Amino acid sequence: MADKVLVFYGSYRSDRMGVRLADFIMAGLRARGADAEFIDAKAVGLPMLDRMYKEYPKGTAPEAMEALAGKIRTADAFIFVTGEYNWGPQPGLKNLTDHFLEEWFWRPAAVASYSAGRFSGVRSGTVWHSILSEMGMVVVSSTLAVGPISQTLDEGGRPTGKAGEALERAFPRFADDLAWWTEAARAQRARKAPPY
């Protein structure tokens, strides 16, 4: 059975560079046989958080929120591709994530960060570890950190130069770590119902 992995991306900028990293990850997951789906927070277009999905009476949540809740519930694992704004996470991705809670529970997540500079978004990536853990996900220890993004991946998400070579070397461990926890979580959910 192929792992169903949702890859979340959250930039709302008009000239988005981080989508290159999302494209690279999607291609890498698919090459490994995963059933990967790209979730673009800007395209989903959820409003600023007023009510969480669970706060709507059954069948009354906005259509985009209802559809995404179903995808999250049936996914095996998640990857969050995050840029860094002023040492913190992008508001678009955080806003999308906050609309849900129980839908995330008992599945692994991984974080891939990027920036235009040499710090590669790691400060945002570090913040995401605690956010996702608080939301009921098991966050794997392997991460990807890409920067400068424009010197690492071309417009099609293909690695370029020495930085791109380093990313290609790092991806298998990142994907293996997530796949191991994905298999473990799926087996445990089949063996025993979660405690809550």
N, C-alpha and C. Protein backbone atom coordinates (compact mmCIF):
# COMPACT_ATOMS: atom_id res chain seq x y z
N MET A 1 0.84 -1.17 0.00
CA MET A 1 0.00 0.00 0.00
C MET A 1 0.89 1.25 0.00
N ALA A 2 0.62 2.17 -0.91
CA ALA A 2 1.40 3.41 -0.99
C ALA A 2 1.04 4.34 0.16
N ASP A 3 2.05 4.98 0.74
CA ASP A 3 1.81 5.97 1.79
C ASP A 3 1.12 7.18 1.18
N LYS A 4 0.02 7.60 1.79
CA LYS A 4 -0.68 8.81 1.35
C LYS A 4 -0.13 9.98 2.15
N VAL A 5 0.64 10.85 1.47
CA VAL A 5 1.33 11.95 2.14
C VAL A 5 0.81 13.28 1.59
N LEU A 6 0.38 14.15 2.48
CA LEU A 6 -0.02 15.50 2.09
C LEU A 6 1.16 16.44 2.31
N VAL A 7 1.49 17.21 1.27
CA VAL A 7 2.60 18.16 1.33
C VAL A 7 2.00 19.57 1.36
N PHE A 8 2.12 20.24 2.50
CA PHE A 8 1.52 21.55 2.71
C PHE A 8 2.53 22.66 2.42
N TYR A 9 2.04 23.71 1.74
CA TYR A 9 2.88 24.86 1.41
C TYR A 9 2.07 26.12 1.70
N GLY A 10 2.71 27.13 2.30
CA GLY A 10 1.90 28.23 2.81
C GLY A 10 2.21 29.64 2.39
N SER A 11 3.06 29.88 1.40
CA SER A 11 3.36 31.25 1.02
C SER A 11 2.19 31.85 0.23
N TYR A 12 1.87 33.09 0.54
CA TYR A 12 0.85 33.84 -0.21
C TYR A 12 1.48 34.89 -1.12
N ARG A 13 2.78 34.95 -1.18
CA ARG A 13 3.46 35.96 -1.99
C ARG A 13 3.17 35.76 -3.48
N SER A 14 3.23 36.83 -4.24
CA SER A 14 2.96 36.73 -5.68
C SER A 14 4.12 36.08 -6.42
N ASP A 15 5.34 36.23 -5.92
CA ASP A 15 6.51 35.65 -6.57
C ASP A 15 7.11 34.60 -5.63
N ARG A 16 6.45 33.45 -5.54
CA ARG A 16 6.79 32.44 -4.54
C ARG A 16 7.97 31.59 -4.98
N MET A 17 8.99 31.53 -4.13
CA MET A 17 10.17 30.72 -4.43
C MET A 17 10.11 29.35 -3.76
N GLY A 18 9.47 29.28 -2.59
CA GLY A 18 9.44 28.04 -1.82
C GLY A 18 8.69 26.92 -2.50
N VAL A 19 7.84 27.26 -3.46
CA VAL A 19 7.11 26.21 -4.17
C VAL A 19 8.10 25.29 -4.90
N ARG A 20 9.30 25.78 -5.16
CA ARG A 20 10.33 24.93 -5.76
C ARG A 20 10.67 23.75 -4.85
N LEU A 21 10.76 24.03 -3.55
CA LEU A 21 11.04 22.96 -2.59
C LEU A 21 9.87 21.99 -2.51
N ALA A 22 8.66 22.50 -2.51
CA ALA A 22 7.48 21.63 -2.51
C ALA A 22 7.48 20.73 -3.74
N ASP A 23 7.81 21.30 -4.91
CA ASP A 23 7.87 20.52 -6.15
C ASP A 23 8.94 19.43 -6.07
N PHE A 24 10.09 19.78 -5.51
CA PHE A 24 11.18 18.81 -5.35
C PHE A 24 10.72 17.65 -4.45
N ILE A 25 10.09 17.98 -3.34
CA ILE A 25 9.62 16.95 -2.41
C ILE A 25 8.55 16.08 -3.05
N MET A 26 7.61 16.69 -3.75
CA MET A 26 6.56 15.92 -4.42
C MET A 26 7.18 14.93 -5.41
N ALA A 27 8.13 15.38 -6.21
CA ALA A 27 8.78 14.50 -7.19
C ALA A 27 9.52 13.37 -6.48
N GLY A 28 10.22 13.70 -5.40
CA GLY A 28 10.97 12.69 -4.66
C GLY A 28 10.08 11.65 -4.03
N LEU A 29 8.96 12.08 -3.45
CA LEU A 29 8.02 11.14 -2.84
C LEU A 29 7.41 10.22 -3.90
N ARG A 30 7.00 10.79 -5.01
CA ARG A 30 6.37 9.98 -6.07
C ARG A 30 7.36 8.99 -6.65
N ALA A 31 8.62 9.38 -6.77
CA ALA A 31 9.64 8.46 -7.29
C ALA A 31 9.84 7.28 -6.35
N ARG A 32 9.54 7.46 -5.07
CA ARG A 32 9.64 6.39 -4.07
C ARG A 32 8.36 5.57 -3.96
N GLY A 33 7.34 5.93 -4.74
CA GLY A 33 6.09 5.17 -4.76
C GLY A 33 5.01 5.70 -3.83
N ALA A 34 5.22 6.85 -3.22
CA ALA A 34 4.21 7.42 -2.33
C ALA A 34 3.09 8.05 -3.14
N ASP A 35 1.92 8.08 -2.55
CA ASP A 35 0.76 8.78 -3.10
C ASP A 35 0.77 10.17 -2.49
N ALA A 36 1.49 11.10 -3.13
CA ALA A 36 1.70 12.43 -2.58
C ALA A 36 0.73 13.43 -3.20
N GLU A 37 0.19 14.31 -2.37
CA GLU A 37 -0.72 15.36 -2.85
C GLU A 37 -0.25 16.70 -2.31
N PHE A 38 -0.20 17.69 -3.17
CA PHE A 38 0.22 19.04 -2.83
C PHE A 38 -0.98 19.84 -2.34
N ILE A 39 -0.86 20.44 -1.17
CA ILE A 39 -1.91 21.29 -0.60
C ILE A 39 -1.35 22.70 -0.48
N ASP A 40 -1.85 23.60 -1.29
CA ASP A 40 -1.40 24.99 -1.34
C ASP A 40 -2.36 25.84 -0.52
N ALA A 41 -1.89 26.37 0.60
CA ALA A 41 -2.76 27.16 1.49
C ALA A 41 -3.39 28.33 0.75
N LYS A 42 -2.66 28.96 -0.14
CA LYS A 42 -3.20 30.10 -0.88
C LYS A 42 -4.35 29.65 -1.78
N ALA A 43 -4.20 28.52 -2.44
CA ALA A 43 -5.25 28.02 -3.32
C ALA A 43 -6.47 27.54 -2.54
N VAL A 44 -6.25 26.92 -1.38
CA VAL A 44 -7.37 26.48 -0.54
C VAL A 44 -8.16 27.69 -0.08
N GLY A 45 -7.46 28.74 0.32
CA GLY A 45 -8.08 30.03 0.61
C GLY A 45 -8.98 30.08 1.83
N LEU A 46 -8.61 29.40 2.91
CA LEU A 46 -9.41 29.49 4.12
C LEU A 46 -9.33 30.91 4.69
N PRO A 47 -10.42 31.39 5.29
CA PRO A 47 -10.37 32.74 5.88
C PRO A 47 -9.48 32.75 7.11
N MET A 48 -9.17 33.94 7.61
CA MET A 48 -8.48 34.01 8.89
C MET A 48 -9.34 33.29 9.92
N LEU A 49 -8.68 32.55 10.79
CA LEU A 49 -9.39 31.67 11.71
C LEU A 49 -10.41 32.43 12.56
N ASP A 50 -11.65 32.00 12.43
CA ASP A 50 -12.73 32.45 13.28
C ASP A 50 -13.29 31.23 14.01
N ARG A 51 -13.67 30.22 13.22
CA ARG A 51 -14.15 28.96 13.78
C ARG A 51 -13.30 27.83 13.23
N MET A 52 -12.92 26.93 14.13
CA MET A 52 -12.24 25.72 13.68
C MET A 52 -13.26 24.81 13.00
N TYR A 53 -12.76 23.88 12.22
CA TYR A 53 -13.63 22.93 11.52
C TYR A 53 -14.58 22.24 12.49
N LYS A 54 -14.07 21.82 13.63
CA LYS A 54 -14.89 21.08 14.60
C LYS A 54 -15.97 21.94 15.25
N GLU A 55 -15.87 23.27 15.12
CA GLU A 55 -16.85 24.16 15.73
C GLU A 55 -18.07 24.42 14.85
N TYR A 56 -18.02 23.93 13.62
CA TYR A 56 -19.18 24.05 12.74
C TYR A 56 -20.13 22.87 12.99
N PRO A 57 -21.43 23.11 13.01
CA PRO A 57 -22.35 21.97 13.05
C PRO A 57 -22.09 21.07 11.83
N LYS A 58 -22.26 19.77 12.01
CA LYS A 58 -21.97 18.80 10.95
C LYS A 58 -22.65 19.22 9.64
N GLY A 59 -21.85 19.24 8.58
CA GLY A 59 -22.35 19.57 7.26
C GLY A 59 -22.46 21.04 6.93
N THR A 60 -22.01 21.93 7.85
CA THR A 60 -22.14 23.36 7.59
C THR A 60 -20.81 24.08 7.39
N ALA A 61 -19.70 23.38 7.50
CA ALA A 61 -18.39 24.01 7.29
C ALA A 61 -18.27 24.44 5.83
N PRO A 62 -17.49 25.50 5.56
CA PRO A 62 -17.27 25.90 4.17
C PRO A 62 -16.73 24.72 3.35
N GLU A 63 -17.09 24.68 2.08
CA GLU A 63 -16.76 23.54 1.22
C GLU A 63 -15.26 23.23 1.20
N ALA A 64 -14.42 24.26 1.07
CA ALA A 64 -12.97 24.03 1.02
C ALA A 64 -12.47 23.43 2.32
N MET A 65 -13.03 23.86 3.44
CA MET A 65 -12.62 23.34 4.75
C MET A 65 -13.06 21.88 4.91
N GLU A 66 -14.27 21.58 4.49
CA GLU A 66 -14.79 20.22 4.57
C GLU A 66 -13.95 19.26 3.72
N ALA A 67 -13.62 19.70 2.50
CA ALA A 67 -12.82 18.85 1.61
C ALA A 67 -11.43 18.60 2.19
N LEU A 68 -10.81 19.64 2.74
CA LEU A 68 -9.47 19.48 3.30
C LEU A 68 -9.51 18.61 4.56
N ALA A 69 -10.54 18.75 5.38
CA ALA A 69 -10.66 17.91 6.57
C ALA A 69 -10.68 16.44 6.18
N GLY A 70 -11.40 16.11 5.12
CA GLY A 70 -11.44 14.73 4.65
C GLY A 70 -10.09 14.22 4.20
N LYS A 71 -9.34 15.07 3.50
CA LYS A 71 -8.00 14.68 3.04
C LYS A 71 -7.06 14.46 4.23
N ILE A 72 -7.13 15.34 5.21
CA ILE A 72 -6.26 15.21 6.38
C ILE A 72 -6.58 13.93 7.14
N ARG A 73 -7.87 13.67 7.34
CA ARG A 73 -8.28 12.47 8.10
C ARG A 73 -7.82 11.18 7.44
N THR A 74 -7.75 11.14 6.11
CA THR A 74 -7.41 9.90 5.41
C THR A 74 -5.93 9.80 5.04
N ALA A 75 -5.15 10.84 5.35
CA ALA A 75 -3.72 10.82 5.04
C ALA A 75 -2.96 9.94 6.04
N ASP A 76 -1.84 9.41 5.58
CA ASP A 76 -0.94 8.64 6.45
C ASP A 76 0.11 9.51 7.12
N ALA A 77 0.50 10.61 6.46
CA ALA A 77 1.59 11.46 6.95
C ALA A 77 1.50 12.83 6.31
N PHE A 78 2.26 13.77 6.88
CA PHE A 78 2.24 15.15 6.41
C PHE A 78 3.67 15.69 6.31
N ILE A 79 3.87 16.56 5.33
CA ILE A 79 5.11 17.33 5.25
C ILE A 79 4.71 18.80 5.16
N PHE A 80 5.34 19.63 5.98
CA PHE A 80 5.08 21.06 6.00
C PHE A 80 6.30 21.77 5.43
N VAL A 81 6.10 22.46 4.30
CA VAL A 81 7.16 23.21 3.64
C VAL A 81 6.97 24.67 4.05
N THR A 82 7.94 25.19 4.80
CA THR A 82 7.75 26.49 5.41
C THR A 82 8.89 27.45 5.12
N GLY A 83 8.51 28.65 4.79
CA GLY A 83 9.47 29.74 4.72
C GLY A 83 9.59 30.37 6.09
N GLU A 84 10.40 31.40 6.16
CA GLU A 84 10.64 32.07 7.44
C GLU A 84 10.37 33.55 7.28
N TYR A 85 9.43 34.05 8.07
CA TYR A 85 9.15 35.48 8.09
C TYR A 85 9.54 36.02 9.46
N ASN A 86 10.55 36.87 9.51
CA ASN A 86 10.97 37.49 10.77
C ASN A 86 11.18 36.47 11.90
N TRP A 87 11.92 35.41 11.57
CA TRP A 87 12.28 34.34 12.50
C TRP A 87 11.09 33.44 12.85
N GLY A 88 9.99 33.57 12.16
CA GLY A 88 8.82 32.78 12.52
C GLY A 88 8.16 32.15 11.30
N PRO A 89 7.08 31.38 11.55
CA PRO A 89 6.38 30.69 10.47
C PRO A 89 5.54 31.63 9.62
N GLN A 90 5.28 31.21 8.41
CA GLN A 90 4.42 31.97 7.52
C GLN A 90 2.98 31.97 8.04
N PRO A 91 2.33 33.10 8.05
CA PRO A 91 0.97 33.16 8.59
C PRO A 91 -0.03 32.35 7.77
N GLY A 92 0.14 32.25 6.47
CA GLY A 92 -0.81 31.50 5.65
C GLY A 92 -0.85 30.02 6.01
N LEU A 93 0.32 29.43 6.19
CA LEU A 93 0.39 28.00 6.54
C LEU A 93 -0.10 27.77 7.97
N LYS A 94 0.27 28.65 8.87
CA LYS A 94 -0.18 28.53 10.26
C LYS A 94 -1.70 28.65 10.34
N ASN A 95 -2.26 29.60 9.61
CA ASN A 95 -3.71 29.79 9.62
C ASN A 95 -4.43 28.55 9.10
N LEU A 96 -3.97 27.98 8.00
CA LEU A 96 -4.59 26.76 7.47
C LEU A 96 -4.51 25.65 8.51
N THR A 97 -3.37 25.44 9.09
CA THR A 97 -3.16 24.36 10.06
C THR A 97 -4.08 24.51 11.27
N ASP A 98 -4.26 25.73 11.75
CA ASP A 98 -5.04 25.97 12.96
C ASP A 98 -6.53 25.71 12.79
N HIS A 99 -7.02 25.60 11.58
CA HIS A 99 -8.45 25.31 11.37
C HIS A 99 -8.82 23.89 11.80
N PHE A 100 -7.84 23.05 12.01
CA PHE A 100 -8.09 21.63 12.31
C PHE A 100 -7.35 21.25 13.59
N LEU A 101 -7.78 20.17 14.22
CA LEU A 101 -7.06 19.66 15.38
C LEU A 101 -7.09 18.14 15.40
N GLU A 102 -8.21 17.55 15.81
CA GLU A 102 -8.28 16.10 15.91
C GLU A 102 -7.99 15.40 14.58
N GLU A 103 -8.22 16.09 13.49
CA GLU A 103 -7.95 15.50 12.17
C GLU A 103 -6.48 15.15 11.99
N TRP A 104 -5.58 15.84 12.69
CA TRP A 104 -4.14 15.62 12.57
C TRP A 104 -3.64 14.46 13.43
N PHE A 105 -4.38 14.08 14.44
CA PHE A 105 -3.86 13.20 15.49
C PHE A 105 -3.31 11.88 14.97
N TRP A 106 -2.26 11.40 15.67
CA TRP A 106 -1.73 10.04 15.54
C TRP A 106 -1.09 9.75 14.18
N ARG A 107 -0.58 10.79 13.52
CA ARG A 107 0.14 10.61 12.26
C ARG A 107 1.46 11.37 12.33
N PRO A 108 2.46 10.91 11.61
CA PRO A 108 3.75 11.61 11.62
C PRO A 108 3.77 12.81 10.67
N ALA A 109 4.63 13.73 11.01
CA ALA A 109 4.84 14.92 10.19
C ALA A 109 6.33 15.19 10.08
N ALA A 110 6.70 15.83 8.98
CA ALA A 110 8.08 16.25 8.76
C ALA A 110 8.08 17.71 8.32
N VAL A 111 9.19 18.39 8.57
CA VAL A 111 9.30 19.81 8.26
C VAL A 111 10.45 20.04 7.29
N ALA A 112 10.16 20.80 6.23
CA ALA A 112 11.18 21.24 5.28
C ALA A 112 11.12 22.76 5.23
N SER A 113 12.24 23.41 5.50
CA SER A 113 12.25 24.88 5.53
C SER A 113 13.15 25.44 4.44
N TYR A 114 12.91 26.71 4.14
CA TYR A 114 13.70 27.38 3.10
C TYR A 114 13.73 28.87 3.38
N SER A 115 14.68 29.54 2.78
CA SER A 115 14.72 31.00 2.80
C SER A 115 15.60 31.48 1.65
N ALA A 116 15.55 32.79 1.46
CA ALA A 116 16.40 33.40 0.43
C ALA A 116 17.84 33.51 0.91
N GLY A 117 18.04 33.39 2.20
CA GLY A 117 19.37 33.55 2.77
C GLY A 117 19.99 32.25 3.24
N ARG A 118 21.11 32.38 3.91
CA ARG A 118 21.90 31.21 4.28
C ARG A 118 21.37 30.45 5.49
N PHE A 119 20.43 31.02 6.25
CA PHE A 119 19.90 30.31 7.42
C PHE A 119 18.83 29.28 7.05
N SER A 120 18.41 29.28 5.81
CA SER A 120 17.57 28.22 5.25
C SER A 120 16.23 28.03 5.96
N GLY A 121 15.74 29.03 6.62
CA GLY A 121 14.43 28.93 7.28
C GLY A 121 14.41 28.07 8.52
N VAL A 122 15.58 27.73 9.07
CA VAL A 122 15.62 26.78 10.19
C VAL A 122 14.94 27.32 11.44
N ARG A 123 14.91 28.63 11.63
CA ARG A 123 14.23 29.17 12.81
C ARG A 123 12.74 28.91 12.73
N SER A 124 12.17 29.06 11.55
CA SER A 124 10.76 28.72 11.36
C SER A 124 10.54 27.22 11.49
N GLY A 125 11.43 26.44 10.92
CA GLY A 125 11.31 24.99 11.02
C GLY A 125 11.31 24.50 12.45
N THR A 126 12.15 25.12 13.28
CA THR A 126 12.21 24.75 14.69
C THR A 126 10.89 25.06 15.39
N VAL A 127 10.30 26.20 15.08
CA VAL A 127 9.01 26.57 15.66
C VAL A 127 7.93 25.57 15.24
N TRP A 128 7.98 25.15 13.99
CA TRP A 128 6.97 24.19 13.51
C TRP A 128 7.03 22.86 14.26
N HIS A 129 8.19 22.45 14.69
CA HIS A 129 8.29 21.19 15.45
C HIS A 129 7.37 21.22 16.67
N SER A 130 7.43 22.30 17.44
CA SER A 130 6.59 22.36 18.64
C SER A 130 5.12 22.57 18.29
N ILE A 131 4.82 23.32 17.25
CA ILE A 131 3.42 23.53 16.84
C ILE A 131 2.78 22.20 16.46
N LEU A 132 3.45 21.45 15.61
CA LEU A 132 2.87 20.19 15.11
C LEU A 132 2.76 19.15 16.21
N SER A 133 3.73 19.12 17.09
CA SER A 133 3.66 18.20 18.23
C SER A 133 2.46 18.53 19.10
N GLU A 134 2.25 19.80 19.37
CA GLU A 134 1.10 20.22 20.18
C GLU A 134 -0.22 19.85 19.50
N MET A 135 -0.22 19.77 18.19
CA MET A 135 -1.44 19.46 17.44
C MET A 135 -1.63 17.95 17.25
N GLY A 136 -0.85 17.14 17.96
CA GLY A 136 -1.10 15.70 17.97
C GLY A 136 -0.34 14.87 16.96
N MET A 137 0.65 15.47 16.31
CA MET A 137 1.45 14.73 15.34
C MET A 137 2.77 14.30 15.96
N VAL A 138 3.34 13.22 15.46
CA VAL A 138 4.68 12.81 15.82
C VAL A 138 5.61 13.45 14.80
N VAL A 139 6.47 14.35 15.23
CA VAL A 139 7.33 15.08 14.30
C VAL A 139 8.67 14.36 14.20
N VAL A 140 9.03 13.93 13.00
CA VAL A 140 10.27 13.18 12.82
C VAL A 140 11.47 14.11 13.01
N SER A 141 12.59 13.52 13.38
CA SER A 141 13.77 14.34 13.67
C SER A 141 14.47 14.83 12.40
N SER A 142 14.35 14.10 11.32
CA SER A 142 15.01 14.53 10.07
C SER A 142 14.29 15.73 9.48
N THR A 143 15.07 16.69 9.01
CA THR A 143 14.51 17.88 8.37
C THR A 143 15.27 18.16 7.08
N LEU A 144 14.67 18.98 6.25
CA LEU A 144 15.36 19.56 5.10
C LEU A 144 15.41 21.06 5.34
N ALA A 145 16.55 21.68 5.05
CA ALA A 145 16.70 23.12 5.18
C ALA A 145 17.42 23.62 3.93
N VAL A 146 16.76 24.49 3.19
CA VAL A 146 17.26 24.91 1.88
C VAL A 146 17.45 26.42 1.84
N GLY A 147 18.65 26.84 1.52
CA GLY A 147 18.90 28.25 1.35
C GLY A 147 20.32 28.49 0.87
N PRO A 148 20.50 29.46 0.05
CA PRO A 148 19.48 30.25 -0.59
C PRO A 148 18.67 29.39 -1.59
N ILE A 149 17.35 29.53 -1.55
CA ILE A 149 16.49 28.68 -2.36
C ILE A 149 16.75 28.87 -3.86
N SER A 150 17.03 30.10 -4.28
CA SER A 150 17.24 30.36 -5.72
C SER A 150 18.52 29.74 -6.25
N GLN A 151 19.46 29.41 -5.36
CA GLN A 151 20.71 28.79 -5.78
C GLN A 151 20.71 27.27 -5.58
N THR A 152 19.60 26.74 -5.08
CA THR A 152 19.52 25.32 -4.77
C THR A 152 18.59 24.58 -5.71
N LEU A 153 17.49 25.25 -6.10
CA LEU A 153 16.48 24.63 -6.97
C LEU A 153 16.09 25.61 -8.08
N ASP A 154 15.94 25.07 -9.30
CA ASP A 154 15.52 25.93 -10.39
C ASP A 154 13.99 26.10 -10.37
N GLU A 155 13.45 26.79 -11.35
CA GLU A 155 12.02 27.10 -11.39
C GLU A 155 11.15 25.84 -11.41
N GLY A 156 11.68 24.74 -11.87
CA GLY A 156 10.93 23.49 -11.93
C GLY A 156 11.16 22.59 -10.72
N GLY A 157 11.87 23.10 -9.71
CA GLY A 157 12.14 22.31 -8.52
C GLY A 157 13.26 21.30 -8.69
N ARG A 158 14.11 21.51 -9.69
CA ARG A 158 15.23 20.60 -9.93
C ARG A 158 16.49 21.15 -9.26
N PRO A 159 17.25 20.29 -8.57
CA PRO A 159 18.45 20.74 -7.87
C PRO A 159 19.49 21.33 -8.83
N THR A 160 20.17 22.37 -8.36
CA THR A 160 21.22 23.01 -9.14
C THR A 160 22.44 23.25 -8.25
N GLY A 161 23.61 23.16 -8.83
CA GLY A 161 24.86 23.48 -8.15
C GLY A 161 25.14 22.60 -6.94
N LYS A 162 26.12 23.03 -6.16
CA LYS A 162 26.54 22.26 -4.98
C LYS A 162 25.44 22.19 -3.93
N ALA A 163 24.69 23.27 -3.75
CA ALA A 163 23.60 23.26 -2.77
C ALA A 163 22.53 22.26 -3.19
N GLY A 164 22.25 22.18 -4.47
CA GLY A 164 21.29 21.21 -4.97
C GLY A 164 21.76 19.78 -4.77
N GLU A 165 23.06 19.55 -4.97
CA GLU A 165 23.63 18.22 -4.73
C GLU A 165 23.49 17.83 -3.26
N ALA A 166 23.71 18.78 -2.37
CA ALA A 166 23.58 18.51 -0.93
C ALA A 166 22.13 18.17 -0.59
N LEU A 167 21.18 18.86 -1.20
CA LEU A 167 19.77 18.57 -0.96
C LEU A 167 19.42 17.17 -1.45
N GLU A 168 19.92 16.80 -2.62
CA GLU A 168 19.67 15.45 -3.14
C GLU A 168 20.23 14.37 -2.21
N ARG A 169 21.38 14.63 -1.60
CA ARG A 169 21.96 13.67 -0.65
C ARG A 169 21.13 13.59 0.64
N ALA A 170 20.54 14.70 1.05
CA ALA A 170 19.78 14.74 2.31
C ALA A 170 18.38 14.16 2.19
N PHE A 171 17.80 14.21 1.01
CA PHE A 171 16.39 13.81 0.86
C PHE A 171 16.12 12.35 1.24
N PRO A 172 16.94 11.38 0.83
CA PRO A 172 16.60 9.99 1.18
C PRO A 172 16.45 9.74 2.68
N ARG A 173 17.32 10.30 3.50
CA ARG A 173 17.18 10.11 4.95
C ARG A 173 15.89 10.74 5.45
N PHE A 174 15.59 11.94 4.99
CA PHE A 174 14.35 12.65 5.35
C PHE A 174 13.14 11.78 5.00
N ALA A 175 13.11 11.28 3.78
CA ALA A 175 11.97 10.46 3.32
C ALA A 175 11.92 9.12 4.04
N ASP A 176 13.08 8.52 4.29
CA ASP A 176 13.12 7.24 5.01
C ASP A 176 12.59 7.39 6.44
N ASP A 177 12.98 8.45 7.10
CA ASP A 177 12.54 8.71 8.47
C ASP A 177 11.01 8.84 8.50
N LEU A 178 10.46 9.65 7.62
CA LEU A 178 9.01 9.82 7.57
C LEU A 178 8.31 8.51 7.22
N ALA A 179 8.85 7.76 6.27
CA ALA A 179 8.23 6.50 5.86
C ALA A 179 8.23 5.48 7.00
N TRP A 180 9.31 5.43 7.77
CA TRP A 180 9.38 4.49 8.90
C TRP A 180 8.29 4.79 9.91
N TRP A 181 8.14 6.06 10.28
CA TRP A 181 7.12 6.46 11.26
C TRP A 181 5.72 6.31 10.68
N THR A 182 5.60 6.51 9.39
CA THR A 182 4.29 6.34 8.74
C THR A 182 3.84 4.89 8.86
N GLU A 183 4.74 3.98 8.56
CA GLU A 183 4.42 2.55 8.66
C GLU A 183 4.13 2.16 10.10
N ALA A 184 4.94 2.66 11.03
CA ALA A 184 4.74 2.33 12.44
C ALA A 184 3.40 2.84 12.96
N ALA A 185 3.04 4.07 12.59
CA ALA A 185 1.78 4.65 13.06
C ALA A 185 0.59 3.92 12.44
N ARG A 186 0.68 3.59 11.17
CA ARG A 186 -0.42 2.87 10.52
C ARG A 186 -0.62 1.49 11.16
N ALA A 187 0.47 0.79 11.44
CA ALA A 187 0.37 -0.53 12.06
C ALA A 187 -0.21 -0.43 13.47
N GLN A 188 0.20 0.57 14.22
CA GLN A 188 -0.31 0.74 15.58
C GLN A 188 -1.80 1.10 15.56
N ARG A 189 -2.22 1.98 14.66
CA ARG A 189 -3.64 2.33 14.58
C ARG A 189 -4.48 1.11 14.22
N ALA A 190 -3.94 0.22 13.38
CA ALA A 190 -4.66 -1.00 13.01
C ALA A 190 -4.72 -1.98 14.18
N ARG A 191 -3.68 -1.99 15.00
CA ARG A 191 -3.59 -2.92 16.13
C ARG A 191 -4.44 -2.48 17.31
N LYS A 192 -4.45 -1.17 17.55
CA LYS A 192 -5.10 -0.67 18.78
C LYS A 192 -5.63 0.74 18.52
N ALA A 193 -6.84 0.99 18.94
CA ALA A 193 -7.43 2.33 18.78
C ALA A 193 -6.66 3.35 19.60
N PRO A 194 -6.50 4.58 19.09
CA PRO A 194 -5.84 5.62 19.88
C PRO A 194 -6.59 5.84 21.20
N PRO A 195 -5.88 6.29 22.24
CA PRO A 195 -6.51 6.44 23.54
C PRO A 195 -7.54 7.57 23.61
N TYR A 196 -7.48 8.50 22.68
CA TYR A 196 -8.50 9.57 22.63
C TYR A 196 -8.56 10.12 21.22
